[in-house]
Amino acid sequence: MLLDGRLLTFSSLSNAVAFMQPLILGGAHIGVSKVAKFRADVVASWNVPTAADPSPAGLDTAAIGMLRVDHTAAEPPDV
């Protein structure tokens, strides 16, 4: 997910949930049903600006977009 042209990155699953939950509960339909985990070097290779652990403040005026990535580059899920 892109926010004002920056790829959102989270240092933990709980940070991702804390960001996404207010959006979903507020009725936003952003097309995200799963969050994949990628190594930092993989994300860096995409040459896209990032925003680490962003705050949900200001989301009502932000431009939200999507970035198509190779899902096969994701880390396997934690068991």
PDB file of N, CA and C in Angstrom:
ATOM      1  N   MET A   1       0.847  -1.171   0.000  1.00  0.00           N
ATOM      2  CA  MET A   1       0.000   0.000   0.000  1.00  0.00           C
ATOM      3  C   MET A   1       0.891   1.233   0.000  1.00  0.00           C
ATOM      4  N   LEU A   2       0.539   2.185  -0.827  1.00  0.00           N
ATOM      5  CA  LEU A   2       1.269   3.445  -0.914  1.00  0.00           C
ATOM      6  C   LEU A   2       0.442   4.548  -0.258  1.00  0.00           C
ATOM      7  N   LEU A   3       1.113   5.383   0.469  1.00  0.00           N
ATOM      8  CA  LEU A   3       0.471   6.530   1.105  1.00  0.00           C
ATOM      9  C   LEU A   3       1.253   7.761   0.686  1.00  0.00           C
ATOM     10  N   ASP A   4       0.614   8.636  -0.087  1.00  0.00           N
ATOM     11  CA  ASP A   4       1.288   9.810  -0.652  1.00  0.00           C
ATOM     12  C   ASP A   4       2.590   9.421  -1.350  1.00  0.00           C
ATOM     13  N   GLY A   5       2.542   8.323  -2.110  1.00  0.00           N
ATOM     14  CA  GLY A   5       3.693   7.884  -2.897  1.00  0.00           C
ATOM     15  C   GLY A   5       4.751   7.114  -2.139  1.00  0.00           C
ATOM     16  N   ARG A   6       4.531   6.844  -0.870  1.00  0.00           N
ATOM     17  CA  ARG A   6       5.502   6.098  -0.067  1.00  0.00           C
ATOM     18  C   ARG A   6       4.934   4.727   0.283  1.00  0.00           C
ATOM     19  N   LEU A   7       5.772   3.718   0.151  1.00  0.00           N
ATOM     20  CA  LEU A   7       5.388   2.358   0.497  1.00  0.00           C
ATOM     21  C   LEU A   7       5.376   2.217   2.011  1.00  0.00           C
ATOM     22  N   LEU A   8       4.265   1.754   2.551  1.00  0.00           N
ATOM     23  CA  LEU A   8       4.162   1.588   3.999  1.00  0.00           C
ATOM     24  C   LEU A   8       4.927   0.347   4.433  1.00  0.00           C
ATOM     25  N   THR A   9       5.780   0.509   5.427  1.00  0.00           N
ATOM     26  CA  THR A   9       6.519  -0.614   6.004  1.00  0.00           C
ATOM     27  C   THR A   9       6.296  -0.601   7.507  1.00  0.00           C
ATOM     28  N   PHE A  10       6.267  -1.779   8.080  1.00  0.00           N
ATOM     29  CA  PHE A  10       6.005  -1.910   9.513  1.00  0.00           C
ATOM     30  C   PHE A  10       7.054  -2.814  10.134  1.00  0.00           C
ATOM     31  N   SER A  11       7.500  -2.447  11.326  1.00  0.00           N
ATOM     32  CA  SER A  11       8.534  -3.222  12.008  1.00  0.00           C
ATOM     33  C   SER A  11       7.969  -4.446  12.714  1.00  0.00           C
ATOM     34  N   SER A  12       6.641  -4.523  12.809  1.00  0.00           N
ATOM     35  CA  SER A  12       6.021  -5.688  13.449  1.00  0.00           C
ATOM     36  C   SER A  12       4.586  -5.825  12.955  1.00  0.00           C
ATOM     37  N   LEU A  13       4.053  -7.018  13.106  1.00  0.00           N
ATOM     38  CA  LEU A  13       2.662  -7.250  12.735  1.00  0.00           C
ATOM     39  C   LEU A  13       1.723  -6.397  13.571  1.00  0.00           C
ATOM     40  N   SER A  14       2.040  -6.239  14.843  1.00  0.00           N
ATOM     41  CA  SER A  14       1.162  -5.432  15.702  1.00  0.00           C
ATOM     42  C   SER A  14       1.121  -3.975  15.239  1.00  0.00           C
ATOM     43  N   ASN A  15       2.227  -3.444  14.727  1.00  0.00           N
ATOM     44  CA  ASN A  15       2.222  -2.075  14.202  1.00  0.00           C
ATOM     45  C   ASN A  15       1.374  -1.980  12.932  1.00  0.00           C
ATOM     46  N   ALA A  16       1.434  -3.006  12.096  1.00  0.00           N
ATOM     47  CA  ALA A  16       0.611  -3.023  10.881  1.00  0.00           C
ATOM     48  C   ALA A  16      -0.870  -3.070  11.244  1.00  0.00           C
ATOM     49  N   VAL A  17      -1.217  -3.912  12.206  1.00  0.00           N
ATOM     50  CA  VAL A  17      -2.614  -4.019  12.643  1.00  0.00           C
ATOM     51  C   VAL A  17      -3.081  -2.702  13.251  1.00  0.00           C
ATOM     52  N   ALA A  18      -2.241  -2.077  14.070  1.00  0.00           N
ATOM     53  CA  ALA A  18      -2.607  -0.802  14.701  1.00  0.00           C
ATOM     54  C   ALA A  18      -2.879   0.273  13.649  1.00  0.00           C
ATOM     55  N   PHE A  19      -2.183   0.220  12.537  1.00  0.00           N
ATOM     56  CA  PHE A  19      -2.394   1.184  11.461  1.00  0.00           C
ATOM     57  C   PHE A  19      -3.655   0.853  10.660  1.00  0.00           C
ATOM     58  N   MET A  20      -3.818  -0.418  10.293  1.00  0.00           N
ATOM     59  CA  MET A  20      -4.905  -0.816   9.402  1.00  0.00           C
ATOM     60  C   MET A  20      -6.264  -0.906  10.094  1.00  0.00           C
ATOM     61  N   GLN A  21      -6.286  -1.288  11.356  1.00  0.00           N
ATOM     62  CA  GLN A  21      -7.554  -1.532  12.038  1.00  0.00           C
ATOM     63  C   GLN A  21      -8.502  -0.327  12.016  1.00  0.00           C
ATOM     64  N   PRO A  22      -8.031   0.888  12.329  1.00  0.00           N
ATOM     65  CA  PRO A  22      -8.956   2.032  12.271  1.00  0.00           C
ATOM     66  C   PRO A  22      -9.519   2.265  10.865  1.00  0.00           C
ATOM     67  N   LEU A  23      -8.721   1.981   9.841  1.00  0.00           N
ATOM     68  CA  LEU A  23      -9.212   2.135   8.466  1.00  0.00           C
ATOM     69  C   LEU A  23     -10.359   1.172   8.190  1.00  0.00           C
ATOM     70  N   ILE A  24     -10.140  -0.081   8.530  1.00  0.00           N
ATOM     71  CA  ILE A  24     -11.146  -1.105   8.256  1.00  0.00           C
ATOM     72  C   ILE A  24     -12.401  -0.867   9.091  1.00  0.00           C
ATOM     73  N   LEU A  25     -12.221  -0.602  10.381  1.00  0.00           N
ATOM     74  CA  LEU A  25     -13.377  -0.365  11.248  1.00  0.00           C
ATOM     75  C   LEU A  25     -14.131   0.897  10.849  1.00  0.00           C
ATOM     76  N   GLY A  26     -13.418   1.844  10.233  1.00  0.00           N
ATOM     77  CA  GLY A  26     -14.049   3.074   9.771  1.00  0.00           C
ATOM     78  C   GLY A  26     -14.756   2.926   8.436  1.00  0.00           C
ATOM     79  N   GLY A  27     -14.706   1.728   7.869  1.00  0.00           N
ATOM     80  CA  GLY A  27     -15.418   1.473   6.621  1.00  0.00           C
ATOM     81  C   GLY A  27     -14.608   1.638   5.359  1.00  0.00           C
ATOM     82  N   ALA A  28     -13.315   1.855   5.478  1.00  0.00           N
ATOM     83  CA  ALA A  28     -12.481   1.995   4.280  1.00  0.00           C
ATOM     84  C   ALA A  28     -12.378   0.648   3.570  1.00  0.00           C
ATOM     85  N   HIS A  29     -12.519   0.673   2.286  1.00  0.00           N
ATOM     86  CA  HIS A  29     -12.366  -0.533   1.474  1.00  0.00           C
ATOM     87  C   HIS A  29     -11.135  -0.316   0.605  1.00  0.00           C
ATOM     88  N   ILE A  30      -9.997  -0.749   1.105  1.00  0.00           N
ATOM     89  CA  ILE A  30      -8.741  -0.455   0.425  1.00  0.00           C
ATOM     90  C   ILE A  30      -8.184  -1.644  -0.342  1.00  0.00           C
ATOM     91  N   GLY A  31      -8.871  -2.778  -0.316  1.00  0.00           N
ATOM     92  CA  GLY A  31      -8.444  -3.921  -1.107  1.00  0.00           C
ATOM     93  C   GLY A  31      -7.293  -4.714  -0.520  1.00  0.00           C
ATOM     94  N   VAL A  32      -7.051  -4.584   0.758  1.00  0.00           N
ATOM     95  CA  VAL A  32      -5.980  -5.341   1.405  1.00  0.00           C
ATOM     96  C   VAL A  32      -6.614  -6.373   2.317  1.00  0.00           C
ATOM     97  N   SER A  33      -6.291  -7.640   2.073  1.00  0.00           N
ATOM     98  CA  SER A  33      -6.825  -8.690   2.941  1.00  0.00           C
ATOM     99  C   SER A  33      -5.721  -9.438   3.678  1.00  0.00           C
ATOM    100  N   LYS A  34      -4.488  -9.288   3.201  1.00  0.00           N
ATOM    101  CA  LYS A  34      -3.352  -9.945   3.847  1.00  0.00           C
ATOM    102  C   LYS A  34      -2.157  -9.010   3.791  1.00  0.00           C
ATOM    103  N   VAL A  35      -1.266  -9.170   4.749  1.00  0.00           N
ATOM    104  CA  VAL A  35      -0.029  -8.398   4.766  1.00  0.00           C
ATOM    105  C   VAL A  35       1.121  -9.388   4.701  1.00  0.00           C
ATOM    106  N   ALA A  36       1.968  -9.260   3.702  1.00  0.00           N
ATOM    107  CA  ALA A  36       3.112 -10.156   3.544  1.00  0.00           C
ATOM    108  C   ALA A  36       4.339  -9.568   4.226  1.00  0.00           C
ATOM    109  N   LYS A  37       5.264 -10.446   4.543  1.00  0.00           N
ATOM    110  CA  LYS A  37       6.511 -10.017   5.181  1.00  0.00           C
ATOM    111  C   LYS A  37       7.639 -10.163   4.158  1.00  0.00           C
ATOM    112  N   PHE A  38       8.385  -9.073   3.939  1.00  0.00           N
ATOM    113  CA  PHE A  38       9.509  -9.067   3.012  1.00  0.00           C
ATOM    114  C   PHE A  38      10.771  -8.654   3.756  1.00  0.00           C
ATOM    115  N   ARG A  39      11.901  -9.220   3.362  1.00  0.00           N
ATOM    116  CA  ARG A  39      13.188  -8.801   3.937  1.00  0.00           C
ATOM    117  C   ARG A  39      13.468  -7.357   3.505  1.00  0.00           C
ATOM    118  N   ALA A  40      14.189  -6.634   4.338  1.00  0.00           N
ATOM    119  CA  ALA A  40      14.485  -5.222   4.059  1.00  0.00           C
ATOM    120  C   ALA A  40      15.243  -5.057   2.746  1.00  0.00           C
ATOM    121  N   ASP A  41      16.152  -5.973   2.430  1.00  0.00           N
ATOM    122  CA  ASP A  41      16.916  -5.844   1.186  1.00  0.00           C
ATOM    123  C   ASP A  41      16.020  -6.036  -0.041  1.00  0.00           C
ATOM    124  N   VAL A  42      14.991  -6.855   0.078  1.00  0.00           N
ATOM    125  CA  VAL A  42      14.044  -7.036  -1.027  1.00  0.00           C
ATOM    126  C   VAL A  42      13.265  -5.742  -1.246  1.00  0.00           C
ATOM    127  N   VAL A  43      12.770  -5.151  -0.170  1.00  0.00           N
ATOM    128  CA  VAL A  43      12.026  -3.890  -0.271  1.00  0.00           C
ATOM    129  C   VAL A  43      12.922  -2.794  -0.849  1.00  0.00           C
ATOM    130  N   ALA A  44      14.174  -2.729  -0.407  1.00  0.00           N
ATOM    131  CA  ALA A  44      15.103  -1.707  -0.908  1.00  0.00           C
ATOM    132  C   ALA A  44      15.331  -1.853  -2.413  1.00  0.00           C
ATOM    133  N   SER A  45      15.279  -3.077  -2.923  1.00  0.00           N
ATOM    134  CA  SER A  45      15.516  -3.300  -4.353  1.00  0.00           C
ATOM    135  C   SER A  45      14.383  -2.756  -5.227  1.00  0.00           C
ATOM    136  N   TRP A  46      13.245  -2.443  -4.636  1.00  0.00           N
ATOM    137  CA  TRP A  46      12.122  -1.920  -5.407  1.00  0.00           C
ATOM    138  C   TRP A  46      12.292  -0.438  -5.736  1.00  0.00           C
ATOM    139  N   ASN A  47      13.250   0.230  -5.117  1.00  0.00           N
ATOM    140  CA  ASN A  47      13.516   1.650  -5.387  1.00  0.00           C
ATOM    141  C   ASN A  47      12.265   2.520  -5.269  1.00  0.00           C
ATOM    142  N   VAL A  48      11.525   2.311  -4.192  1.00  0.00           N
ATOM    143  CA  VAL A  48      10.321   3.092  -3.901  1.00  0.00           C
ATOM    144  C   VAL A  48      10.522   3.736  -2.535  1.00  0.00           C
ATOM    145  N   PRO A  49      10.218   5.030  -2.375  1.00  0.00           N
ATOM    146  CA  PRO A  49      10.331   5.645  -1.048  1.00  0.00           C
ATOM    147  C   PRO A  49       9.435   4.909  -0.052  1.00  0.00           C
ATOM    148  N   THR A  50       9.892   4.814   1.188  1.00  0.00           N
ATOM    149  CA  THR A  50       9.122   4.101   2.208  1.00  0.00           C
ATOM    150  C   THR A  50       8.760   5.019   3.371  1.00  0.00           C
ATOM    151  N   ALA A  51       7.744   4.595   4.099  1.00  0.00           N
ATOM    152  CA  ALA A  51       7.346   5.252   5.347  1.00  0.00           C
ATOM    153  C   ALA A  51       7.264   4.145   6.392  1.00  0.00           C
ATOM    154  N   ALA A  52       8.188   4.155   7.343  1.00  0.00           N
ATOM    155  CA  ALA A  52       8.251   3.106   8.358  1.00  0.00           C
ATOM    156  C   ALA A  52       7.322   3.427   9.524  1.00  0.00           C
ATOM    157  N   ASP A  53       6.512   2.448   9.909  1.00  0.00           N
ATOM    158  CA  ASP A  53       5.587   2.566  11.035  1.00  0.00           C
ATOM    159  C   ASP A  53       4.838   3.903  11.024  1.00  0.00           C
ATOM    160  N   PRO A  54       4.104   4.186   9.931  1.00  0.00           N
ATOM    161  CA  PRO A  54       3.411   5.476   9.836  1.00  0.00           C
ATOM    162  C   PRO A  54       2.270   5.596  10.839  1.00  0.00           C
ATOM    163  N   SER A  55       1.923   6.823  11.121  1.00  0.00           N
ATOM    164  CA  SER A  55       0.778   7.120  11.985  1.00  0.00           C
ATOM    165  C   SER A  55      -0.467   7.228  11.111  1.00  0.00           C
ATOM    166  N   PRO A  56      -1.624   6.794  11.612  1.00  0.00           N
ATOM    167  CA  PRO A  56      -2.844   6.959  10.819  1.00  0.00           C
ATOM    168  C   PRO A  56      -3.328   8.407  10.729  1.00  0.00           C
ATOM    169  N   ALA A  57      -2.700   9.317  11.444  1.00  0.00           N
ATOM    170  CA  ALA A  57      -3.095  10.729  11.393  1.00  0.00           C
ATOM    171  C   ALA A  57      -2.944  11.260   9.967  1.00  0.00           C
ATOM    172  N   GLY A  58      -3.936  11.983   9.514  1.00  0.00           N
ATOM    173  CA  GLY A  58      -3.884  12.593   8.196  1.00  0.00           C
ATOM    174  C   GLY A  58      -4.305  11.690   7.055  1.00  0.00           C
ATOM    175  N   LEU A  59      -4.777  10.495   7.377  1.00  0.00           N
ATOM    176  CA  LEU A  59      -5.179   9.573   6.316  1.00  0.00           C
ATOM    177  C   LEU A  59      -6.345  10.091   5.494  1.00  0.00           C
ATOM    178  N   ASP A  60      -7.183  10.905   6.092  1.00  0.00           N
ATOM    179  CA  ASP A  60      -8.361  11.391   5.374  1.00  0.00           C
ATOM    180  C   ASP A  60      -8.003  12.285   4.196  1.00  0.00           C
ATOM    181  N   THR A  61      -6.789  12.839   4.177  1.00  0.00           N
ATOM    182  CA  THR A  61      -6.376  13.695   3.067  1.00  0.00           C
ATOM    183  C   THR A  61      -5.257  13.077   2.236  1.00  0.00           C
ATOM    184  N   ALA A  62      -4.804  11.885   2.601  1.00  0.00           N
ATOM    185  CA  ALA A  62      -3.676  11.250   1.914  1.00  0.00           C
ATOM    186  C   ALA A  62      -4.136  10.563   0.630  1.00  0.00           C
ATOM    187  N   ALA A  63      -3.234  10.515  -0.331  1.00  0.00           N
ATOM    188  CA  ALA A  63      -3.476   9.758  -1.560  1.00  0.00           C
ATOM    189  C   ALA A  63      -3.053   8.316  -1.298  1.00  0.00           C
ATOM    190  N   ILE A  64      -4.003   7.390  -1.429  1.00  0.00           N
ATOM    191  CA  ILE A  64      -3.728   5.977  -1.179  1.00  0.00           C
ATOM    192  C   ILE A  64      -3.634   5.256  -2.510  1.00  0.00           C
ATOM    193  N   GLY A  65      -2.594   4.452  -2.656  1.00  0.00           N
ATOM    194  CA  GLY A  65      -2.399   3.681  -3.880  1.00  0.00           C
ATOM    195  C   GLY A  65      -1.869   2.298  -3.565  1.00  0.00           C
ATOM    196  N   MET A  66      -1.669   1.526  -4.595  1.00  0.00           N
ATOM    197  CA  MET A  66      -1.162   0.168  -4.437  1.00  0.00           C
ATOM    198  C   MET A  66       0.082  -0.010  -5.293  1.00  0.00           C
ATOM    199  N   LEU A  67       0.924  -0.918  -4.871  1.00  0.00           N
ATOM    200  CA  LEU A  67       2.138  -1.262  -5.604  1.00  0.00           C
ATOM    201  C   LEU A  67       2.104  -2.760  -5.842  1.00  0.00           C
ATOM    202  N   ARG A  68       2.144  -3.171  -7.096  1.00  0.00           N
ATOM    203  CA  ARG A  68       2.161  -4.599  -7.413  1.00  0.00           C
ATOM    204  C   ARG A  68       3.582  -5.117  -7.184  1.00  0.00           C
ATOM    205  N   VAL A  69       3.685  -6.158  -6.384  1.00  0.00           N
ATOM    206  CA  VAL A  69       4.990  -6.751  -6.075  1.00  0.00           C
ATOM    207  C   VAL A  69       4.943  -8.243  -6.369  1.00  0.00           C
ATOM    208  N   ASP A  70       6.116  -8.835  -6.475  1.00  0.00           N
ATOM    209  CA  ASP A  70       6.235 -10.274  -6.687  1.00  0.00           C
ATOM    210  C   ASP A  70       6.000 -10.977  -5.357  1.00  0.00           C
ATOM    211  N   HIS A  71       4.833 -11.562  -5.192  1.00  0.00           N
ATOM    212  CA  HIS A  71       4.497 -12.199  -3.917  1.00  0.00           C
ATOM    213  C   HIS A  71       5.394 -13.391  -3.609  1.00  0.00           C
ATOM    214  N   THR A  72       6.052 -13.947  -4.627  1.00  0.00           N
ATOM    215  CA  THR A  72       6.931 -15.092  -4.367  1.00  0.00           C
ATOM    216  C   THR A  72       8.209 -14.672  -3.647  1.00  0.00           C
ATOM    217  N   ALA A  73       8.482 -13.366  -3.588  1.00  0.00           N
ATOM    218  CA  ALA A  73       9.657 -12.870  -2.861  1.00  0.00           C
ATOM    219  C   ALA A  73       9.376 -12.692  -1.371  1.00  0.00           C
ATOM    220  N   ALA A  74       8.138 -12.918  -0.955  1.00  0.00           N
ATOM    221  CA  ALA A  74       7.770 -12.764   0.465  1.00  0.00           C
ATOM    222  C   ALA A  74       8.381 -13.883   1.298  1.00  0.00           C
ATOM    223  N   GLU A  75       8.580 -13.575   2.558  1.00  0.00           N
ATOM    224  CA  GLU A  75       9.054 -14.573   3.514  1.00  0.00           C
ATOM    225  C   GLU A  75       7.926 -15.571   3.790  1.00  0.00           C
ATOM    226  N   PRO A  76       8.276 -16.804   4.133  1.00  0.00           N
ATOM    227  CA  PRO A  76       7.211 -17.744   4.501  1.00  0.00           C
ATOM    228  C   PRO A  76       6.511 -17.278   5.771  1.00  0.00           C
ATOM    229  N   PRO A  77       5.243 -17.619   5.923  1.00  0.00           N
ATOM    230  CA  PRO A  77       4.519 -17.187   7.130  1.00  0.00           C
ATOM    231  C   PRO A  77       5.109 -17.801   8.391  1.00  0.00           C
ATOM    232  N   ASP A  78       4.997 -17.065   9.490  1.00  0.00           N
ATOM    233  CA  ASP A  78       5.408 -17.601  10.786  1.00  0.00           C
ATOM    234  C   ASP A  78       4.415 -18.682  11.180  1.00  0.00           C
ATOM    235  N   VAL A  79       4.941 -19.712  11.786  1.00  0.00           N
ATOM    236  CA  VAL A  79       4.056 -20.817  12.193  1.00  0.00           C
ATOM    237  C   VAL A  79       3.843 -20.789  13.673  1.00  0.00           C
TER     238      VAL A  79
END
